[in-house]
Amino acid sequence: MRFRRPDGGVLEISPGAVRTLLSYRQVGWLSLEAGGVLLGRHLIGGADVVVDSATAPGAKDRRARFWFHRARRPAQEAVDRAWRESKGVVNYLGDWHTHPERVPSPSCVDRRDWRKVARRTKVEAEFLFFVIVGTEAVRVWQVDRAGSEIEALEALDAPPGSSQPAEG
């Protein structure tokens, strides 16, 4: 699954991460919102970024039909473990969560939270990514570290079994 970034680079979500994201789609009437963190790499010498994995919701996360709250400590432990095991290559790239809508769009709460995360997160990158998984489409937004610019990324291809629109 690939998305065009504003600077011409590509954000690629690995097949394993896509499987994790799609496994939590809210397709049933009682399906709970889910979420986690995106872990991956900025490719040296270019503007491309690869999401190697997406964490699943944890036991300490709180979930309901229309909201999700990730427990900070287990998420940070997953980021630290990925960094350590990759010898400093894999790091935190952003967050993902689900919405019970066909083609997801961020709520005002999502946008506010993304800005706050972008401003407070301590990483070397100039931007973070935020993914919303709908019932039929996956959409991605890039947020600059100042939290002032939120840009939808254009989908270059759709995941298997989805009818994702090409527009971000």
N, C-alpha and C. Protein backbone atom coordinates (compact mmCIF):
# COMPACT_ATOMS: atom_id res chain seq x y z
N MET A 1 0.86 -1.16 0.00
CA MET A 1 0.00 0.00 0.00
C MET A 1 0.91 1.23 0.00
N ARG A 2 0.71 2.12 -0.97
CA ARG A 2 1.61 3.26 -1.11
C ARG A 2 0.83 4.56 -1.25
N PHE A 3 1.42 5.64 -0.73
CA PHE A 3 0.80 6.95 -0.76
C PHE A 3 1.85 7.99 -1.19
N ARG A 4 1.42 8.95 -2.01
CA ARG A 4 2.31 10.03 -2.46
C ARG A 4 2.37 11.12 -1.39
N ARG A 5 3.59 11.49 -1.02
CA ARG A 5 3.82 12.55 -0.03
C ARG A 5 3.90 13.90 -0.73
N PRO A 6 3.64 14.99 -0.03
CA PRO A 6 3.66 16.32 -0.65
C PRO A 6 5.01 16.69 -1.28
N ASP A 7 6.10 16.15 -0.76
CA ASP A 7 7.43 16.47 -1.30
C ASP A 7 7.82 15.55 -2.46
N GLY A 8 6.89 14.72 -2.92
CA GLY A 8 7.15 13.81 -4.03
C GLY A 8 7.61 12.43 -3.60
N GLY A 9 7.93 12.26 -2.34
CA GLY A 9 8.32 10.95 -1.83
C GLY A 9 7.10 10.04 -1.70
N VAL A 10 7.36 8.83 -1.29
CA VAL A 10 6.30 7.83 -1.13
C VAL A 10 6.33 7.29 0.29
N LEU A 11 5.16 7.15 0.87
CA LEU A 11 5.00 6.42 2.13
C LEU A 11 4.51 5.04 1.74
N GLU A 12 5.27 4.02 2.09
CA GLU A 12 4.88 2.64 1.80
C GLU A 12 4.56 1.93 3.10
N ILE A 13 3.40 1.28 3.14
CA ILE A 13 3.01 0.50 4.31
C ILE A 13 3.20 -0.96 3.94
N SER A 14 4.05 -1.66 4.68
CA SER A 14 4.40 -3.04 4.37
C SER A 14 3.18 -3.96 4.44
N PRO A 15 3.24 -5.10 3.74
CA PRO A 15 2.11 -6.04 3.77
C PRO A 15 1.73 -6.48 5.19
N GLY A 16 2.70 -6.69 6.04
CA GLY A 16 2.40 -7.11 7.42
C GLY A 16 1.66 -6.03 8.19
N ALA A 17 2.08 -4.78 8.01
CA ALA A 17 1.40 -3.67 8.68
C ALA A 17 -0.01 -3.50 8.12
N VAL A 18 -0.17 -3.67 6.81
CA VAL A 18 -1.50 -3.57 6.19
C VAL A 18 -2.42 -4.64 6.76
N ARG A 19 -1.91 -5.86 6.92
CA ARG A 19 -2.73 -6.94 7.50
C ARG A 19 -3.20 -6.56 8.90
N THR A 20 -2.30 -5.98 9.70
CA THR A 20 -2.69 -5.56 11.05
C THR A 20 -3.79 -4.51 10.98
N LEU A 21 -3.59 -3.48 10.16
CA LEU A 21 -4.57 -2.40 10.05
C LEU A 21 -5.94 -2.93 9.63
N LEU A 22 -5.95 -3.74 8.56
CA LEU A 22 -7.22 -4.23 8.02
C LEU A 22 -7.92 -5.21 8.95
N SER A 23 -7.17 -5.88 9.80
CA SER A 23 -7.78 -6.86 10.70
C SER A 23 -8.66 -6.20 11.76
N TYR A 24 -8.53 -4.88 11.93
CA TYR A 24 -9.32 -4.17 12.93
C TYR A 24 -10.42 -3.29 12.33
N ARG A 25 -10.68 -3.43 11.02
CA ARG A 25 -11.77 -2.65 10.42
C ARG A 25 -13.06 -2.85 11.21
N GLN A 26 -13.81 -1.80 11.38
CA GLN A 26 -15.06 -1.84 12.14
C GLN A 26 -16.23 -2.21 11.23
N VAL A 27 -16.24 -3.44 10.76
CA VAL A 27 -17.26 -3.86 9.80
C VAL A 27 -18.57 -4.30 10.46
N GLY A 28 -18.53 -4.70 11.71
CA GLY A 28 -19.75 -5.10 12.42
C GLY A 28 -20.35 -3.93 13.18
N TRP A 29 -21.65 -4.01 13.45
CA TRP A 29 -22.35 -2.94 14.18
C TRP A 29 -21.79 -2.71 15.57
N LEU A 30 -21.20 -3.72 16.16
CA LEU A 30 -20.68 -3.61 17.52
C LEU A 30 -19.15 -3.55 17.57
N SER A 31 -18.51 -3.47 16.42
CA SER A 31 -17.04 -3.42 16.38
C SER A 31 -16.53 -2.17 17.09
N LEU A 32 -15.49 -2.37 17.88
CA LEU A 32 -14.90 -1.27 18.65
C LEU A 32 -13.79 -0.59 17.86
N GLU A 33 -13.61 0.71 18.10
CA GLU A 33 -12.51 1.42 17.48
C GLU A 33 -11.21 0.82 18.02
N ALA A 34 -10.20 0.79 17.17
CA ALA A 34 -8.90 0.23 17.53
C ALA A 34 -7.81 1.18 17.06
N GLY A 35 -6.61 0.97 17.55
CA GLY A 35 -5.51 1.82 17.09
C GLY A 35 -4.18 1.33 17.62
N GLY A 36 -3.14 2.03 17.23
CA GLY A 36 -1.80 1.68 17.66
C GLY A 36 -0.80 2.66 17.08
N VAL A 37 0.46 2.27 17.08
CA VAL A 37 1.51 3.12 16.55
C VAL A 37 2.09 2.52 15.28
N LEU A 38 2.66 3.40 14.46
CA LEU A 38 3.33 3.01 13.21
C LEU A 38 4.83 3.03 13.46
N LEU A 39 5.50 1.94 13.11
CA LEU A 39 6.94 1.83 13.29
C LEU A 39 7.61 1.60 11.94
N GLY A 40 8.69 2.31 11.68
CA GLY A 40 9.34 2.13 10.40
C GLY A 40 10.57 2.99 10.22
N ARG A 41 10.90 3.26 8.92
CA ARG A 41 12.18 3.88 8.57
C ARG A 41 12.02 4.98 7.55
N HIS A 42 12.89 5.97 7.67
CA HIS A 42 13.07 6.99 6.65
C HIS A 42 14.24 6.50 5.80
N LEU A 43 14.03 6.34 4.50
CA LEU A 43 15.09 5.82 3.64
C LEU A 43 16.13 6.90 3.39
N ILE A 44 17.39 6.53 3.55
CA ILE A 44 18.50 7.46 3.42
C ILE A 44 18.61 7.96 1.98
N GLY A 45 18.83 9.25 1.85
CA GLY A 45 19.06 9.84 0.54
C GLY A 45 17.82 10.12 -0.26
N GLY A 46 16.65 10.06 0.36
CA GLY A 46 15.43 10.32 -0.39
C GLY A 46 14.31 10.75 0.53
N ALA A 47 13.13 10.91 -0.04
CA ALA A 47 11.96 11.35 0.71
C ALA A 47 11.00 10.20 1.00
N ASP A 48 11.44 8.96 0.74
CA ASP A 48 10.57 7.81 0.94
C ASP A 48 10.62 7.33 2.39
N VAL A 49 9.49 6.83 2.86
CA VAL A 49 9.35 6.33 4.23
C VAL A 49 8.63 4.99 4.15
N VAL A 50 9.08 4.03 4.97
CA VAL A 50 8.47 2.70 4.99
C VAL A 50 7.93 2.41 6.39
N VAL A 51 6.65 2.07 6.46
CA VAL A 51 6.06 1.58 7.71
C VAL A 51 6.27 0.08 7.71
N ASP A 52 7.14 -0.39 8.60
CA ASP A 52 7.44 -1.82 8.69
C ASP A 52 6.39 -2.58 9.47
N SER A 53 5.84 -1.94 10.52
CA SER A 53 4.84 -2.62 11.34
C SER A 53 3.91 -1.61 11.99
N ALA A 54 2.76 -2.11 12.39
CA ALA A 54 1.77 -1.33 13.13
C ALA A 54 1.41 -2.16 14.36
N THR A 55 1.47 -1.54 15.52
CA THR A 55 1.14 -2.30 16.73
C THR A 55 -0.37 -2.50 16.82
N ALA A 56 -0.76 -3.57 17.45
CA ALA A 56 -2.17 -3.87 17.68
C ALA A 56 -2.62 -3.19 18.97
N PRO A 57 -3.92 -3.03 19.17
CA PRO A 57 -4.39 -2.50 20.45
C PRO A 57 -3.93 -3.40 21.59
N GLY A 58 -3.58 -2.78 22.70
CA GLY A 58 -3.09 -3.53 23.85
C GLY A 58 -4.15 -3.70 24.92
N ALA A 59 -3.84 -4.53 25.90
CA ALA A 59 -4.78 -4.83 26.98
C ALA A 59 -5.11 -3.59 27.82
N LYS A 60 -4.20 -2.63 27.89
CA LYS A 60 -4.43 -1.43 28.70
C LYS A 60 -5.07 -0.29 27.92
N ASP A 61 -5.27 -0.47 26.61
CA ASP A 61 -5.94 0.54 25.80
C ASP A 61 -7.43 0.51 26.13
N ARG A 62 -8.10 1.65 25.95
CA ARG A 62 -9.55 1.73 26.17
C ARG A 62 -10.21 1.91 24.81
N ARG A 63 -11.24 1.08 24.57
CA ARG A 63 -11.89 1.07 23.26
C ARG A 63 -13.40 1.16 23.42
N ALA A 64 -14.01 1.91 22.50
CA ALA A 64 -15.47 2.00 22.41
C ALA A 64 -15.83 2.07 20.93
N ARG A 65 -17.10 2.15 20.62
CA ARG A 65 -17.53 2.17 19.22
C ARG A 65 -16.99 3.39 18.47
N PHE A 66 -16.95 4.55 19.12
CA PHE A 66 -16.56 5.77 18.43
C PHE A 66 -15.35 6.48 19.03
N TRP A 67 -14.57 5.80 19.83
CA TRP A 67 -13.33 6.39 20.33
C TRP A 67 -12.36 5.31 20.77
N PHE A 68 -11.10 5.72 20.82
CA PHE A 68 -10.01 4.83 21.21
C PHE A 68 -8.99 5.65 21.99
N HIS A 69 -8.52 5.12 23.10
CA HIS A 69 -7.46 5.78 23.87
C HIS A 69 -6.33 4.79 24.08
N ARG A 70 -5.18 5.09 23.51
CA ARG A 70 -4.02 4.22 23.63
C ARG A 70 -3.29 4.49 24.93
N ALA A 71 -2.96 3.43 25.65
CA ALA A 71 -2.16 3.55 26.87
C ALA A 71 -0.73 3.94 26.47
N ARG A 72 -0.21 4.98 27.05
CA ARG A 72 1.10 5.51 26.64
C ARG A 72 2.27 4.57 26.91
N ARG A 73 2.34 4.02 28.10
CA ARG A 73 3.51 3.24 28.49
C ARG A 73 3.76 2.02 27.59
N PRO A 74 2.76 1.16 27.34
CA PRO A 74 3.00 0.01 26.45
C PRO A 74 3.38 0.45 25.04
N ALA A 75 2.78 1.54 24.55
CA ALA A 75 3.12 2.03 23.21
C ALA A 75 4.58 2.50 23.18
N GLN A 76 5.00 3.23 24.21
CA GLN A 76 6.38 3.70 24.26
C GLN A 76 7.35 2.52 24.37
N GLU A 77 6.96 1.51 25.11
CA GLU A 77 7.81 0.31 25.23
C GLU A 77 7.98 -0.37 23.86
N ALA A 78 6.92 -0.40 23.06
CA ALA A 78 7.00 -0.99 21.71
C ALA A 78 7.94 -0.17 20.83
N VAL A 79 7.86 1.15 20.92
CA VAL A 79 8.75 2.03 20.15
C VAL A 79 10.20 1.81 20.58
N ASP A 80 10.44 1.80 21.89
CA ASP A 80 11.80 1.61 22.41
C ASP A 80 12.38 0.25 22.00
N ARG A 81 11.55 -0.78 22.06
CA ARG A 81 11.99 -2.13 21.68
C ARG A 81 12.35 -2.18 20.19
N ALA A 82 11.52 -1.59 19.34
CA ALA A 82 11.80 -1.57 17.89
C ALA A 82 13.10 -0.82 17.61
N TRP A 83 13.32 0.28 18.27
CA TRP A 83 14.54 1.08 18.10
C TRP A 83 15.77 0.26 18.52
N ARG A 84 15.66 -0.36 19.68
CA ARG A 84 16.77 -1.15 20.23
C ARG A 84 17.08 -2.35 19.34
N GLU A 85 16.05 -3.12 18.97
CA GLU A 85 16.25 -4.34 18.19
C GLU A 85 16.74 -4.05 16.77
N SER A 86 16.42 -2.88 16.24
CA SER A 86 16.87 -2.52 14.89
C SER A 86 18.20 -1.75 14.91
N LYS A 87 18.77 -1.61 16.09
CA LYS A 87 20.01 -0.85 16.28
C LYS A 87 19.87 0.58 15.77
N GLY A 88 18.74 1.20 16.10
CA GLY A 88 18.52 2.60 15.79
C GLY A 88 18.00 2.90 14.40
N VAL A 89 17.47 1.91 13.71
CA VAL A 89 16.95 2.13 12.36
C VAL A 89 15.44 2.37 12.37
N VAL A 90 14.70 1.55 13.10
CA VAL A 90 13.23 1.63 13.13
C VAL A 90 12.81 2.55 14.27
N ASN A 91 11.89 3.46 13.96
CA ASN A 91 11.44 4.41 14.96
C ASN A 91 9.95 4.68 14.81
N TYR A 92 9.43 5.48 15.70
CA TYR A 92 8.03 5.91 15.69
C TYR A 92 7.80 6.81 14.49
N LEU A 93 6.75 6.50 13.70
CA LEU A 93 6.39 7.31 12.53
C LEU A 93 5.05 8.01 12.69
N GLY A 94 4.23 7.56 13.64
CA GLY A 94 2.91 8.15 13.84
C GLY A 94 1.94 7.15 14.43
N ASP A 95 0.66 7.44 14.28
CA ASP A 95 -0.40 6.64 14.89
C ASP A 95 -1.40 6.17 13.84
N TRP A 96 -2.18 5.16 14.19
CA TRP A 96 -3.28 4.70 13.35
C TRP A 96 -4.47 4.41 14.24
N HIS A 97 -5.66 4.54 13.67
CA HIS A 97 -6.88 4.11 14.36
C HIS A 97 -7.97 3.85 13.32
N THR A 98 -9.07 3.28 13.77
CA THR A 98 -10.17 2.93 12.88
C THR A 98 -11.33 3.89 13.05
N HIS A 99 -12.17 3.93 12.03
CA HIS A 99 -13.46 4.63 12.08
C HIS A 99 -14.51 3.71 11.46
N PRO A 100 -15.73 3.74 11.99
CA PRO A 100 -16.80 2.91 11.41
C PRO A 100 -17.49 3.62 10.25
N GLU A 101 -16.70 4.05 9.28
CA GLU A 101 -17.23 4.70 8.09
C GLU A 101 -16.50 4.15 6.87
N ARG A 102 -17.20 4.15 5.75
CA ARG A 102 -16.64 3.54 4.53
C ARG A 102 -15.32 4.20 4.13
N VAL A 103 -15.34 5.49 3.88
CA VAL A 103 -14.14 6.25 3.54
C VAL A 103 -13.90 7.20 4.72
N PRO A 104 -12.90 6.93 5.54
CA PRO A 104 -12.75 7.70 6.78
C PRO A 104 -12.25 9.12 6.56
N SER A 105 -12.67 9.98 7.46
CA SER A 105 -12.16 11.35 7.49
C SER A 105 -11.92 11.71 8.95
N PRO A 106 -10.93 12.55 9.20
CA PRO A 106 -10.61 12.88 10.59
C PRO A 106 -11.64 13.81 11.22
N SER A 107 -11.94 13.53 12.47
CA SER A 107 -12.82 14.41 13.24
C SER A 107 -12.01 15.61 13.72
N CYS A 108 -12.68 16.60 14.28
CA CYS A 108 -11.95 17.74 14.84
C CYS A 108 -11.10 17.28 16.02
N VAL A 109 -11.55 16.26 16.76
CA VAL A 109 -10.76 15.70 17.86
C VAL A 109 -9.51 15.03 17.31
N ASP A 110 -9.64 14.28 16.20
CA ASP A 110 -8.46 13.66 15.58
C ASP A 110 -7.44 14.73 15.21
N ARG A 111 -7.88 15.77 14.53
CA ARG A 111 -6.97 16.82 14.07
C ARG A 111 -6.28 17.52 15.25
N ARG A 112 -7.05 17.79 16.29
CA ARG A 112 -6.47 18.41 17.50
C ARG A 112 -5.41 17.50 18.12
N ASP A 113 -5.75 16.21 18.25
CA ASP A 113 -4.80 15.26 18.84
C ASP A 113 -3.55 15.12 17.97
N TRP A 114 -3.71 15.06 16.64
CA TRP A 114 -2.56 14.94 15.75
C TRP A 114 -1.61 16.12 15.92
N ARG A 115 -2.18 17.33 16.00
CA ARG A 115 -1.34 18.52 16.18
C ARG A 115 -0.56 18.44 17.49
N LYS A 116 -1.23 17.99 18.54
CA LYS A 116 -0.59 17.89 19.85
C LYS A 116 0.52 16.84 19.81
N VAL A 117 0.26 15.68 19.24
CA VAL A 117 1.27 14.63 19.13
C VAL A 117 2.46 15.12 18.30
N ALA A 118 2.19 15.79 17.19
CA ALA A 118 3.26 16.28 16.32
C ALA A 118 4.17 17.28 17.06
N ARG A 119 3.57 18.15 17.86
CA ARG A 119 4.37 19.14 18.59
C ARG A 119 5.16 18.52 19.73
N ARG A 120 4.60 17.52 20.40
CA ARG A 120 5.22 16.98 21.62
C ARG A 120 6.17 15.80 21.41
N THR A 121 6.05 15.10 20.29
CA THR A 121 6.85 13.91 20.06
C THR A 121 8.30 14.29 19.78
N LYS A 122 9.21 13.54 20.40
CA LYS A 122 10.63 13.80 20.22
C LYS A 122 11.22 12.78 19.24
N VAL A 123 11.24 13.16 17.97
CA VAL A 123 11.88 12.38 16.91
C VAL A 123 12.59 13.36 15.99
N GLU A 124 13.53 12.84 15.20
CA GLU A 124 14.29 13.71 14.30
C GLU A 124 13.52 14.11 13.05
N ALA A 125 12.51 13.37 12.68
CA ALA A 125 11.76 13.64 11.45
C ALA A 125 11.02 14.98 11.56
N GLU A 126 10.76 15.57 10.41
CA GLU A 126 10.06 16.85 10.36
C GLU A 126 8.55 16.69 10.29
N PHE A 127 8.06 15.44 10.29
CA PHE A 127 6.63 15.19 10.13
C PHE A 127 6.30 13.82 10.71
N LEU A 128 5.02 13.61 10.99
CA LEU A 128 4.51 12.32 11.44
C LEU A 128 3.33 11.96 10.53
N PHE A 129 2.97 10.67 10.55
CA PHE A 129 1.87 10.17 9.73
C PHE A 129 0.74 9.67 10.62
N PHE A 130 -0.49 9.89 10.15
CA PHE A 130 -1.66 9.45 10.89
C PHE A 130 -2.57 8.73 9.91
N VAL A 131 -2.89 7.49 10.24
CA VAL A 131 -3.68 6.62 9.37
C VAL A 131 -5.04 6.40 10.01
N ILE A 132 -6.09 6.50 9.19
CA ILE A 132 -7.43 6.11 9.65
C ILE A 132 -7.89 4.98 8.72
N VAL A 133 -8.30 3.88 9.33
CA VAL A 133 -8.77 2.71 8.61
C VAL A 133 -10.29 2.71 8.64
N GLY A 134 -10.90 2.85 7.47
CA GLY A 134 -12.36 2.79 7.37
C GLY A 134 -12.78 1.37 7.02
N THR A 135 -14.05 1.19 6.77
CA THR A 135 -14.54 -0.15 6.43
C THR A 135 -14.15 -0.56 5.02
N GLU A 136 -13.94 0.43 4.12
CA GLU A 136 -13.58 0.11 2.75
C GLU A 136 -12.34 0.84 2.24
N ALA A 137 -11.84 1.80 2.97
CA ALA A 137 -10.68 2.57 2.53
C ALA A 137 -9.76 2.87 3.70
N VAL A 138 -8.50 3.05 3.36
CA VAL A 138 -7.48 3.46 4.32
C VAL A 138 -6.95 4.80 3.83
N ARG A 139 -6.93 5.78 4.72
CA ARG A 139 -6.43 7.11 4.34
C ARG A 139 -5.31 7.52 5.28
N VAL A 140 -4.42 8.37 4.76
CA VAL A 140 -3.24 8.79 5.51
C VAL A 140 -3.09 10.30 5.42
N TRP A 141 -2.68 10.90 6.54
CA TRP A 141 -2.38 12.32 6.60
C TRP A 141 -0.97 12.50 7.14
N GLN A 142 -0.30 13.52 6.65
CA GLN A 142 1.04 13.88 7.11
C GLN A 142 0.90 15.20 7.88
N VAL A 143 1.51 15.25 9.07
CA VAL A 143 1.42 16.44 9.91
C VAL A 143 2.84 16.91 10.20
N ASP A 144 3.10 18.20 9.93
CA ASP A 144 4.44 18.74 10.22
C ASP A 144 4.63 18.84 11.73
N ARG A 145 5.87 18.86 12.17
CA ARG A 145 6.18 18.82 13.60
C ARG A 145 5.71 20.04 14.36
N ALA A 146 5.47 21.16 13.68
CA ALA A 146 4.91 22.34 14.34
C ALA A 146 3.41 22.15 14.58
N GLY A 147 2.82 21.15 13.91
CA GLY A 147 1.40 20.88 14.06
C GLY A 147 0.52 21.84 13.28
N SER A 148 1.12 22.60 12.38
CA SER A 148 0.34 23.60 11.66
C SER A 148 -0.21 23.10 10.33
N GLU A 149 0.49 22.17 9.68
CA GLU A 149 0.07 21.65 8.37
C GLU A 149 -0.40 20.20 8.49
N ILE A 150 -1.63 19.96 8.09
CA ILE A 150 -2.16 18.60 8.01
C ILE A 150 -2.51 18.38 6.55
N GLU A 151 -1.82 17.44 5.90
CA GLU A 151 -2.04 17.20 4.48
C GLU A 151 -2.43 15.76 4.22
N ALA A 152 -3.52 15.56 3.48
CA ALA A 152 -3.96 14.23 3.07
C ALA A 152 -3.01 13.72 2.00
N LEU A 153 -2.64 12.45 2.08
CA LEU A 153 -1.78 11.85 1.07
C LEU A 153 -2.63 11.14 0.03
N GLU A 154 -2.17 11.19 -1.21
CA GLU A 154 -2.87 10.53 -2.30
C GLU A 154 -2.52 9.05 -2.33
N ALA A 155 -3.53 8.19 -2.38
CA ALA A 155 -3.31 6.75 -2.46
C ALA A 155 -2.83 6.39 -3.85
N LEU A 156 -1.72 5.65 -3.92
CA LEU A 156 -1.19 5.19 -5.21
C LEU A 156 -1.69 3.81 -5.55
N ASP A 157 -2.12 3.08 -4.57
CA ASP A 157 -2.73 1.76 -4.77
C ASP A 157 -3.60 1.46 -3.57
N ALA A 158 -4.49 0.51 -3.71
CA ALA A 158 -5.41 0.17 -2.65
C ALA A 158 -5.05 -1.18 -2.06
N PRO A 159 -5.37 -1.40 -0.77
CA PRO A 159 -5.10 -2.71 -0.18
C PRO A 159 -6.03 -3.76 -0.74
N PRO A 160 -5.61 -5.01 -0.67
CA PRO A 160 -6.48 -6.09 -1.17
C PRO A 160 -7.83 -6.07 -0.46
N GLY A 161 -8.89 -6.22 -1.22
CA GLY A 161 -10.23 -6.28 -0.63
C GLY A 161 -10.84 -4.94 -0.32
N SER A 162 -10.20 -3.84 -0.74
CA SER A 162 -10.79 -2.53 -0.46
C SER A 162 -11.19 -1.88 -1.77
N SER A 163 -12.00 -0.85 -1.64
CA SER A 163 -12.36 -0.08 -2.83
C SER A 163 -11.93 1.36 -2.61
N GLN A 164 -10.70 1.51 -2.18
CA GLN A 164 -10.16 2.81 -1.80
C GLN A 164 -10.13 3.79 -2.96
N PRO A 165 -10.57 5.01 -2.73
CA PRO A 165 -10.49 6.02 -3.77
C PRO A 165 -9.05 6.47 -3.98
N ALA A 166 -8.72 6.97 -5.14
CA ALA A 166 -7.37 7.43 -5.41
C ALA A 166 -7.07 8.75 -4.74
N GLU A 167 -8.08 9.52 -4.41
CA GLU A 167 -7.84 10.81 -3.75
C GLU A 167 -7.62 10.62 -2.28
N GLY A 168 -6.70 11.41 -1.69
CA GLY A 168 -6.39 11.33 -0.26
C GLY A 168 -7.21 12.27 0.46
